C-alpha atoms as a PDB file:
ATOM      1  CA  MET A   1       4.818  35.949  52.655  1.00  0.00           C
ATOM      2  CA  LYS A   2       1.494  35.919  54.476  1.00  0.00           C
ATOM      3  CA  ASP A   3       0.982  33.641  57.472  1.00  0.00           C
ATOM      4  CA  ALA A   4      -1.781  31.683  55.715  1.00  0.00           C
ATOM      5  CA  THR A   5       0.558  30.992  52.774  1.00  0.00           C
ATOM      6  CA  LYS A   6       3.331  29.794  55.091  1.00  0.00           C
ATOM      7  CA  LYS A   7       0.950  27.528  56.941  1.00  0.00           C
ATOM      8  CA  SER A   8      -0.422  26.172  53.656  1.00  0.00           C
ATOM      9  CA  ILE A   9       3.109  25.335  52.556  1.00  0.00           C
ATOM     10  CA  ILE A  10       3.733  23.501  55.848  1.00  0.00           C
ATOM     11  CA  ALA A  11       0.553  21.469  55.479  1.00  0.00           C
ATOM     12  CA  ILE A  12       1.155  20.629  51.814  1.00  0.00           C
ATOM     13  CA  SER A  13       4.804  19.731  52.455  1.00  0.00           C
ATOM     14  CA  VAL A  14       3.866  17.310  55.255  1.00  0.00           C
ATOM     15  CA  ILE A  15       1.140  15.684  53.161  1.00  0.00           C
ATOM     16  CA  VAL A  16       3.290  15.300  50.022  1.00  0.00           C
ATOM     17  CA  LEU A  17       6.304  13.961  51.941  1.00  0.00           C
ATOM     18  CA  VAL A  18       4.279  11.369  53.854  1.00  0.00           C
ATOM     19  CA  LEU A  19       2.389  10.255  50.746  1.00  0.00           C
ATOM     20  CA  LEU A  20       5.603   9.886  48.741  1.00  0.00           C
ATOM     21  CA  ILE A  21       7.342   7.796  51.392  1.00  0.00           C
ATOM     22  CA  ASP A  22       4.210   5.757  52.024  1.00  0.00           C
ATOM     23  CA  GLN A  23       3.457   4.961  48.391  1.00  0.00           C
ATOM     24  CA  ILE A  24       7.077   4.347  47.357  1.00  0.00           C
ATOM     25  CA  SER A  25       7.514   1.880  50.226  1.00  0.00           C
ATOM     26  CA  LYS A  26       4.225   0.104  49.451  1.00  0.00           C
ATOM     27  CA  ILE A  27       4.865  -0.163  45.711  1.00  0.00           C
ATOM     28  CA  TRP A  28       8.390  -1.454  46.304  1.00  0.00           C
ATOM     29  CA  VAL A  29       7.143  -4.130  48.700  1.00  0.00           C
ATOM     30  CA  LYS A  30       4.219  -5.059  46.443  1.00  0.00           C
ATOM     31  CA  THR A  31       6.443  -5.485  43.369  1.00  0.00           C
ATOM     32  CA  ASN A  32       9.501  -7.028  45.031  1.00  0.00           C
ATOM     33  CA  MET A  33       8.138  -9.357  47.711  1.00  0.00           C
ATOM     34  CA  ALA A  34       5.672 -12.227  47.713  1.00  0.00           C
ATOM     35  CA  LEU A  35       2.957 -12.215  50.355  1.00  0.00           C
ATOM     36  CA  TYR A  36       4.386 -13.124  53.796  1.00  0.00           C
ATOM     37  CA  ASP A  37       7.988 -12.673  52.638  1.00  0.00           C
ATOM     38  CA  SER A  38      10.194 -11.165  55.332  1.00  0.00           C
ATOM     39  CA  ILE A  39      13.441  -9.190  55.327  1.00  0.00           C
ATOM     40  CA  ASP A  40      15.301  -8.982  58.646  1.00  0.00           C
ATOM     41  CA  ILE A  41      16.664  -5.481  59.211  1.00  0.00           C
ATOM     42  CA  THR A  42      17.563  -6.152  62.857  1.00  0.00           C
ATOM     43  CA  SER A  43      16.508  -8.765  65.408  1.00  0.00           C
ATOM     44  CA  TRP A  44      13.641  -6.466  66.427  1.00  0.00           C
ATOM     45  CA  PHE A  45      12.701  -4.868  63.082  1.00  0.00           C
ATOM     46  CA  LYS A  46      11.558  -6.684  59.957  1.00  0.00           C
ATOM     47  CA  ILE A  47      10.013  -5.815  56.614  1.00  0.00           C
ATOM     48  CA  TYR A  48       7.169  -8.342  56.572  1.00  0.00           C
ATOM     49  CA  PHE A  49       4.702  -8.133  53.683  1.00  0.00           C
ATOM     50  CA  VAL A  50       1.022  -8.593  54.510  1.00  0.00           C
ATOM     51  CA  GLU A  51      -2.202  -7.134  53.141  1.00  0.00           C
ATOM     52  CA  ASN A  52      -5.418  -6.333  54.934  1.00  0.00           C
ATOM     53  CA  ASN A  53      -8.952  -5.183  54.180  1.00  0.00           C
ATOM     54  CA  GLY A  54      -9.405  -3.255  57.376  1.00  0.00           C
ATOM     55  CA  MET A  55      -8.392  -0.389  59.562  1.00  0.00           C
ATOM     56  CA  ALA A  56      -4.959   0.675  60.778  1.00  0.00           C
ATOM     57  CA  PHE A  57      -2.568  -2.009  62.042  1.00  0.00           C
ATOM     58  CA  GLY A  58      -4.434  -4.753  60.180  1.00  0.00           C
ATOM     59  CA  ILE A  59      -7.595  -4.562  62.279  1.00  0.00           C
ATOM     60  CA  GLU A  60     -10.622  -5.808  60.341  1.00  0.00           C
ATOM     61  CA  ALA A  61     -14.154  -5.114  61.536  1.00  0.00           C
ATOM     62  CA  ILE A  62     -16.462  -3.883  58.756  1.00  0.00           C
ATOM     63  CA  GLY A  63     -17.119  -4.441  55.062  1.00  0.00           C
ATOM     64  CA  LYS A  64     -14.513  -3.338  52.520  1.00  0.00           C
ATOM     65  CA  LEU A  65     -16.737  -1.124  50.361  1.00  0.00           C
ATOM     66  CA  PHE A  66     -18.237   0.614  53.394  1.00  0.00           C
ATOM     67  CA  LEU A  67     -14.756   1.151  54.830  1.00  0.00           C
ATOM     68  CA  SER A  68     -13.429   2.674  51.588  1.00  0.00           C
ATOM     69  CA  ILE A  69     -16.390   5.054  51.312  1.00  0.00           C
ATOM     70  CA  PHE A  70     -16.083   5.970  54.998  1.00  0.00           C
ATOM     71  CA  ARG A  71     -12.392   6.763  54.505  1.00  0.00           C
ATOM     72  CA  ILE A  72     -13.138   9.027  51.555  1.00  0.00           C
ATOM     73  CA  ILE A  73     -15.820  10.915  53.517  1.00  0.00           C
ATOM     74  CA  ALA A  74     -13.498  11.226  56.515  1.00  0.00           C
ATOM     75  CA  VAL A  75     -10.626  12.562  54.399  1.00  0.00           C
ATOM     76  CA  THR A  76     -12.955  15.086  52.765  1.00  0.00           C
ATOM     77  CA  GLY A  77     -13.931  16.300  56.229  1.00  0.00           C
ATOM     78  CA  ILE A  78     -10.292  16.540  57.347  1.00  0.00           C
ATOM     79  CA  ILE A  79      -9.384  18.524  54.213  1.00  0.00           C
ATOM     80  CA  TYR A  80     -12.165  21.009  54.972  1.00  0.00           C
ATOM     81  CA  TYR A  81     -11.090  21.247  58.617  1.00  0.00           C
ATOM     82  CA  LEU A  82      -7.442  21.758  57.614  1.00  0.00           C
ATOM     83  CA  THR A  83      -8.320  24.626  55.270  1.00  0.00           C
ATOM     84  CA  ILE A  84     -10.273  26.297  58.083  1.00  0.00           C
ATOM     85  CA  ILE A  85      -7.477  26.111  60.667  1.00  0.00           C
ATOM     86  CA  VAL A  86      -4.955  27.382  58.099  1.00  0.00           C
ATOM     87  CA  LYS A  87      -7.167  30.405  57.311  1.00  0.00           C
ATOM     88  CA  GLU A  88      -7.750  31.067  61.010  1.00  0.00           C
ATOM     89  CA  ASN A  89      -4.006  31.138  61.692  1.00  0.00           C
ATOM     90  CA  TYR A  90      -3.662  28.226  64.127  1.00  0.00           C
ATOM     91  CA  LYS A  91      -0.199  27.202  65.325  1.00  0.00           C
ATOM     92  CA  ASN A  92       2.151  25.539  62.840  1.00  0.00           C
ATOM     93  CA  GLY A  93       2.553  22.452  65.010  1.00  0.00           C
ATOM     94  CA  PHE A  94      -1.207  21.935  65.250  1.00  0.00           C
ATOM     95  CA  ILE A  95      -1.573  22.286  61.492  1.00  0.00           C
ATOM     96  CA  ALA A  96       1.282  19.808  60.953  1.00  0.00           C
ATOM     97  CA  CYS A  97      -0.477  17.253  63.204  1.00  0.00           C
ATOM     98  CA  ILE A  98      -3.717  17.502  61.225  1.00  0.00           C
ATOM     99  CA  ALA A  99      -1.714  17.268  57.997  1.00  0.00           C
ATOM    100  CA  LEU A 100      -0.061  14.057  59.263  1.00  0.00           C
ATOM    101  CA  ILE A 101      -3.458  12.516  59.977  1.00  0.00           C
ATOM    102  CA  LEU A 102      -4.779  13.608  56.581  1.00  0.00           C
ATOM    103  CA  ALA A 103      -1.727  12.218  54.773  1.00  0.00           C
ATOM    104  CA  GLY A 104      -1.969   8.895  56.597  1.00  0.00           C
ATOM    105  CA  ALA A 105      -5.660   8.494  55.858  1.00  0.00           C
ATOM    106  CA  SER A 106      -5.083   9.468  52.214  1.00  0.00           C
ATOM    107  CA  GLY A 107      -2.239   6.987  51.848  1.00  0.00           C
ATOM    108  CA  ASN A 108      -4.425   4.061  52.850  1.00  0.00           C
ATOM    109  CA  ILE A 109      -7.265   5.345  50.664  1.00  0.00           C
ATOM    110  CA  ILE A 110      -4.976   5.136  47.623  1.00  0.00           C
ATOM    111  CA  ASP A 111      -4.432   1.426  48.367  1.00  0.00           C
ATOM    112  CA  SER A 112      -8.124   0.781  48.918  1.00  0.00           C
ATOM    113  CA  VAL A 113      -9.327   2.641  45.848  1.00  0.00           C
ATOM    114  CA  PHE A 114      -6.667   1.877  43.226  1.00  0.00           C
ATOM    115  CA  TYR A 115      -4.398  -1.054  44.120  1.00  0.00           C
ATOM    116  CA  GLY A 116      -6.974  -3.702  43.224  1.00  0.00           C
ATOM    117  CA  ALA A 117      -7.362  -2.211  39.739  1.00  0.00           C
ATOM    118  CA  PHE A 118      -3.643  -1.737  38.993  1.00  0.00           C
ATOM    119  CA  PHE A 119      -1.938  -4.762  40.602  1.00  0.00           C
ATOM    120  CA  GLU A 120      -1.976  -8.525  40.276  1.00  0.00           C
ATOM    121  CA  ALA A 121      -2.899 -10.427  43.408  1.00  0.00           C
ATOM    122  CA  SER A 122      -0.051 -11.105  45.821  1.00  0.00           C
ATOM    123  CA  TYR A 123       0.228 -14.556  47.324  1.00  0.00           C
ATOM    124  CA  GLN A 124       2.896 -16.828  48.750  1.00  0.00           C
ATOM    125  CA  GLY A 125       5.583 -17.585  46.208  1.00  0.00           C
ATOM    126  CA  HIS A 126       4.342 -14.972  43.725  1.00  0.00           C
ATOM    127  CA  VAL A 127       5.515 -11.364  43.379  1.00  0.00           C
ATOM    128  CA  ALA A 128       2.814  -9.123  41.923  1.00  0.00           C
ATOM    129  CA  SER A 129       3.313  -6.655  39.085  1.00  0.00           C
ATOM    130  CA  PHE A 130       1.407  -3.779  37.523  1.00  0.00           C
ATOM    131  CA  VAL A 131      -1.379  -4.653  35.079  1.00  0.00           C
ATOM    132  CA  PRO A 132      -3.523  -2.507  32.748  1.00  0.00           C
ATOM    133  CA  PHE A 133      -6.202  -0.595  34.616  1.00  0.00           C
ATOM    134  CA  GLY A 134      -9.171  -2.777  35.474  1.00  0.00           C
ATOM    135  CA  GLU A 135      -7.316  -6.080  35.058  1.00  0.00           C
ATOM    136  CA  GLY A 136      -6.113  -6.315  38.643  1.00  0.00           C
ATOM    137  CA  TYR A 137      -7.180  -8.543  41.503  1.00  0.00           C
ATOM    138  CA  ALA A 138     -10.201  -6.389  42.505  1.00  0.00           C
ATOM    139  CA  SER A 139     -12.417  -3.545  41.367  1.00  0.00           C
ATOM    140  CA  LEU A 140     -12.131   0.095  42.400  1.00  0.00           C
ATOM    141  CA  LEU A 141     -12.701   0.680  46.128  1.00  0.00           C
ATOM    142  CA  HIS A 142     -11.943  -2.983  46.909  1.00  0.00           C
ATOM    143  CA  GLY A 143      -8.152  -2.942  47.022  1.00  0.00           C
ATOM    144  CA  LYS A 144      -6.150  -4.249  49.975  1.00  0.00           C
ATOM    145  CA  VAL A 145      -3.875  -2.076  52.114  1.00  0.00           C
ATOM    146  CA  VAL A 146      -0.180  -3.006  52.032  1.00  0.00           C
ATOM    147  CA  ASP A 147       1.531  -3.325  55.423  1.00  0.00           C
ATOM    148  CA  MET A 148       5.176  -4.096  56.022  1.00  0.00           C
ATOM    149  CA  LEU A 149       6.630  -2.561  59.204  1.00  0.00           C
ATOM    150  CA  TYR A 150       6.997  -5.215  61.905  1.00  0.00           C
ATOM    151  CA  PHE A 151       8.637  -4.672  65.287  1.00  0.00           C
ATOM    152  CA  PRO A 152       8.715  -7.930  67.316  1.00  0.00           C
ATOM    153  CA  LEU A 153      10.546  -6.204  70.168  1.00  0.00           C
ATOM    154  CA  PHE A 154      10.454  -9.089  72.615  1.00  0.00           C
ATOM    155  CA  GLU A 155       8.631 -12.302  73.364  1.00  0.00           C
ATOM    156  CA  GLY A 156       8.068 -14.358  76.455  1.00  0.00           C
ATOM    157  CA  THR A 157       5.563 -16.320  78.500  1.00  0.00           C
ATOM    158  CA  TYR A 158       2.825 -14.975  80.741  1.00  0.00           C
ATOM    159  CA  PRO A 159       3.307 -15.955  84.427  1.00  0.00           C
ATOM    160  CA  SER A 160       1.232 -18.986  85.359  1.00  0.00           C
ATOM    161  CA  TRP A 161      -0.660 -17.038  88.047  1.00  0.00           C
ATOM    162  CA  ILE A 162      -2.303 -14.693  85.481  1.00  0.00           C
ATOM    163  CA  PRO A 163      -5.911 -15.835  84.798  1.00  0.00           C
ATOM    164  CA  ILE A 164      -6.826 -17.148  81.332  1.00  0.00           C
ATOM    165  CA  VAL A 165      -3.498 -16.374  79.590  1.00  0.00           C
ATOM    166  CA  GLY A 166      -1.144 -17.772  82.260  1.00  0.00           C
ATOM    167  CA  GLY A 167       1.551 -19.955  80.722  1.00  0.00           C
ATOM    168  CA  GLU A 168       0.830 -18.813  77.157  1.00  0.00           C
ATOM    169  CA  GLU A 169       3.463 -17.185  74.951  1.00  0.00           C
ATOM    170  CA  PHE A 170       3.197 -13.519  73.991  1.00  0.00           C
ATOM    171  CA  LEU A 171       4.887 -11.252  71.469  1.00  0.00           C
ATOM    172  CA  PHE A 172       5.320  -7.502  71.743  1.00  0.00           C
ATOM    173  CA  PHE A 173       4.755  -5.677  69.352  1.00  0.00           C
ATOM    174  CA  ARG A 174       2.792  -8.015  67.048  1.00  0.00           C
ATOM    175  CA  PHE A 175       0.999  -5.458  64.852  1.00  0.00           C
ATOM    176  CA  ILE A 176       2.204  -4.963  61.262  1.00  0.00           C
ATOM    177  CA  PHE A 177       1.615  -1.508  59.816  1.00  0.00           C
ATOM    178  CA  ASN A 178       2.773   1.024  57.216  1.00  0.00           C
ATOM    179  CA  ILE A 179       3.973   4.622  56.952  1.00  0.00           C
ATOM    180  CA  ALA A 180       0.398   5.911  56.612  1.00  0.00           C
ATOM    181  CA  ASP A 181      -0.618   4.189  59.864  1.00  0.00           C
ATOM    182  CA  SER A 182       2.460   5.685  61.545  1.00  0.00           C
ATOM    183  CA  ALA A 183       1.570   9.198  60.355  1.00  0.00           C
ATOM    184  CA  ILE A 184      -1.950   8.886  61.767  1.00  0.00           C
ATOM    185  CA  THR A 185      -0.674   7.521  65.078  1.00  0.00           C
ATOM    186  CA  VAL A 186       2.024  10.192  65.468  1.00  0.00           C
ATOM    187  CA  GLY A 187      -0.401  12.968  64.505  1.00  0.00           C
ATOM    188  CA  VAL A 188      -3.035  11.830  67.005  1.00  0.00           C
ATOM    189  CA  ALA A 189      -0.462  11.291  69.772  1.00  0.00           C
ATOM    190  CA  LEU A 190       1.017  14.776  69.315  1.00  0.00           C
ATOM    191  CA  LEU A 191      -2.459  16.312  69.316  1.00  0.00           C
ATOM    192  CA  LEU A 192      -3.338  14.615  72.599  1.00  0.00           C
ATOM    193  CA  ILE A 193      -0.006  15.484  74.239  1.00  0.00           C
ATOM    194  CA  PHE A 194       0.515  19.066  73.067  1.00  0.00           C
ATOM    195  CA  TYR A 195      -2.663  20.409  71.487  1.00  0.00           C
ATOM    196  CA  ARG A 196      -5.683  19.093  73.402  1.00  0.00           C
ATOM    197  CA  LYS A 197      -6.917  22.564  74.307  1.00  0.00           C
ATOM    198  CA  THR A 198      -6.322  23.856  70.779  1.00  0.00           C
ATOM    199  CA  LEU A 199      -8.220  20.909  69.322  1.00  0.00           C
ATOM    200  CA  SER A 200     -11.145  21.422  71.686  1.00  0.00           C
ATOM    201  CA  TYR A 201     -11.227  25.138  70.896  1.00  0.00           C
ATOM    202  CA  SER A 202     -11.096  24.545  67.126  1.00  0.00           C
ATOM    203  CA  LEU A 203     -14.082  22.206  67.308  1.00  0.00           C
ATOM    204  CA  MET A 204     -16.262  24.705  69.144  1.00  0.00           C
ATOM    205  CA  SER A 205     -19.037  26.513  67.343  1.00  0.00           C
ATOM    206  CA  LYS A 206     -18.413  30.164  66.460  1.00  0.00           C
ATOM    207  CA  SER A 207     -20.666  31.373  69.279  1.00  0.00           C
ATOM    208  CA  ASP A 208     -18.955  29.138  71.826  1.00  0.00           C
ATOM    209  CA  ARG A 209     -15.539  30.381  70.724  1.00  0.00           C
ATOM    210  CA  GLU A 210     -16.649  33.998  71.074  1.00  0.00           C
ATOM    211  CA  LYS A 211     -17.943  33.221  74.562  1.00  0.00           C
ATOM    212  CA  HIS A 212     -14.681  31.451  75.427  1.00  0.00           C
ATOM    213  CA  ASN A 213     -12.596  34.389  74.181  1.00  0.00           C
ATOM    214  CA  MET A 214     -14.700  36.848  76.167  1.00  0.00           C
ATOM    215  CA  GLU A 215     -14.353  34.816  79.356  1.00  0.00           C
ATOM    216  CA  HIS A 216     -10.610  34.473  78.777  1.00  0.00           C
ATOM    217  CA  SER A 217     -10.198  38.240  78.243  1.00  0.00           C
ATOM    218  CA  LEU A 218     -12.096  38.940  81.459  1.00  0.00           C
ATOM    219  CA  GLU A 219      -9.792  36.608  83.353  1.00  0.00           C
ATOM    220  CA  GLN A 220      -6.789  38.542  82.080  1.00  0.00           C
ATOM    221  CA  GLU A 221      -8.125  41.865  83.412  1.00  0.00           C
END
């Protein structure tokens, strides 16, 4: 089996696995829990159902339609980049990291594009169900992203001597996220820890890479 085929299989396997886990978990939560319902797994881990219009970890900053279109453009760019690094025989780990980011971005796109058209609205006291296409709570590209992973690891009070927040209560970790968010975060973290040079090299223009390779070969002599 050729290297490019092996690397393609790695990338596809990562993407399919992440998307399956992400979508199965979201659909289960959406169709079995009312909005803001919570299931305690441990004292520091809960399944807590929320929805958001925004970026990863529930951050909201820009309009929904613009965000959905931006995500689609970004994923298209990542797909193109992934095909290039597979053809150019980059390391398996680097390819897997990019595949994780692509899968995570794609998972949240599915929510944004389709969930509004296929699901009833979720709200407190009401568990949503599937509806015929187009009869959901929103139009295409206006769906909400389902989040459910909540890790309130510890809480306490800021010391009184700290300016502004002194004496106020805090909770760590207060963000609520999903499998897609986790895939993006893990992929980016691994890139920054293990593949910074590879990432920088892959983003160079062809002429810059040829110059880099020539300089590197001279150093080895």
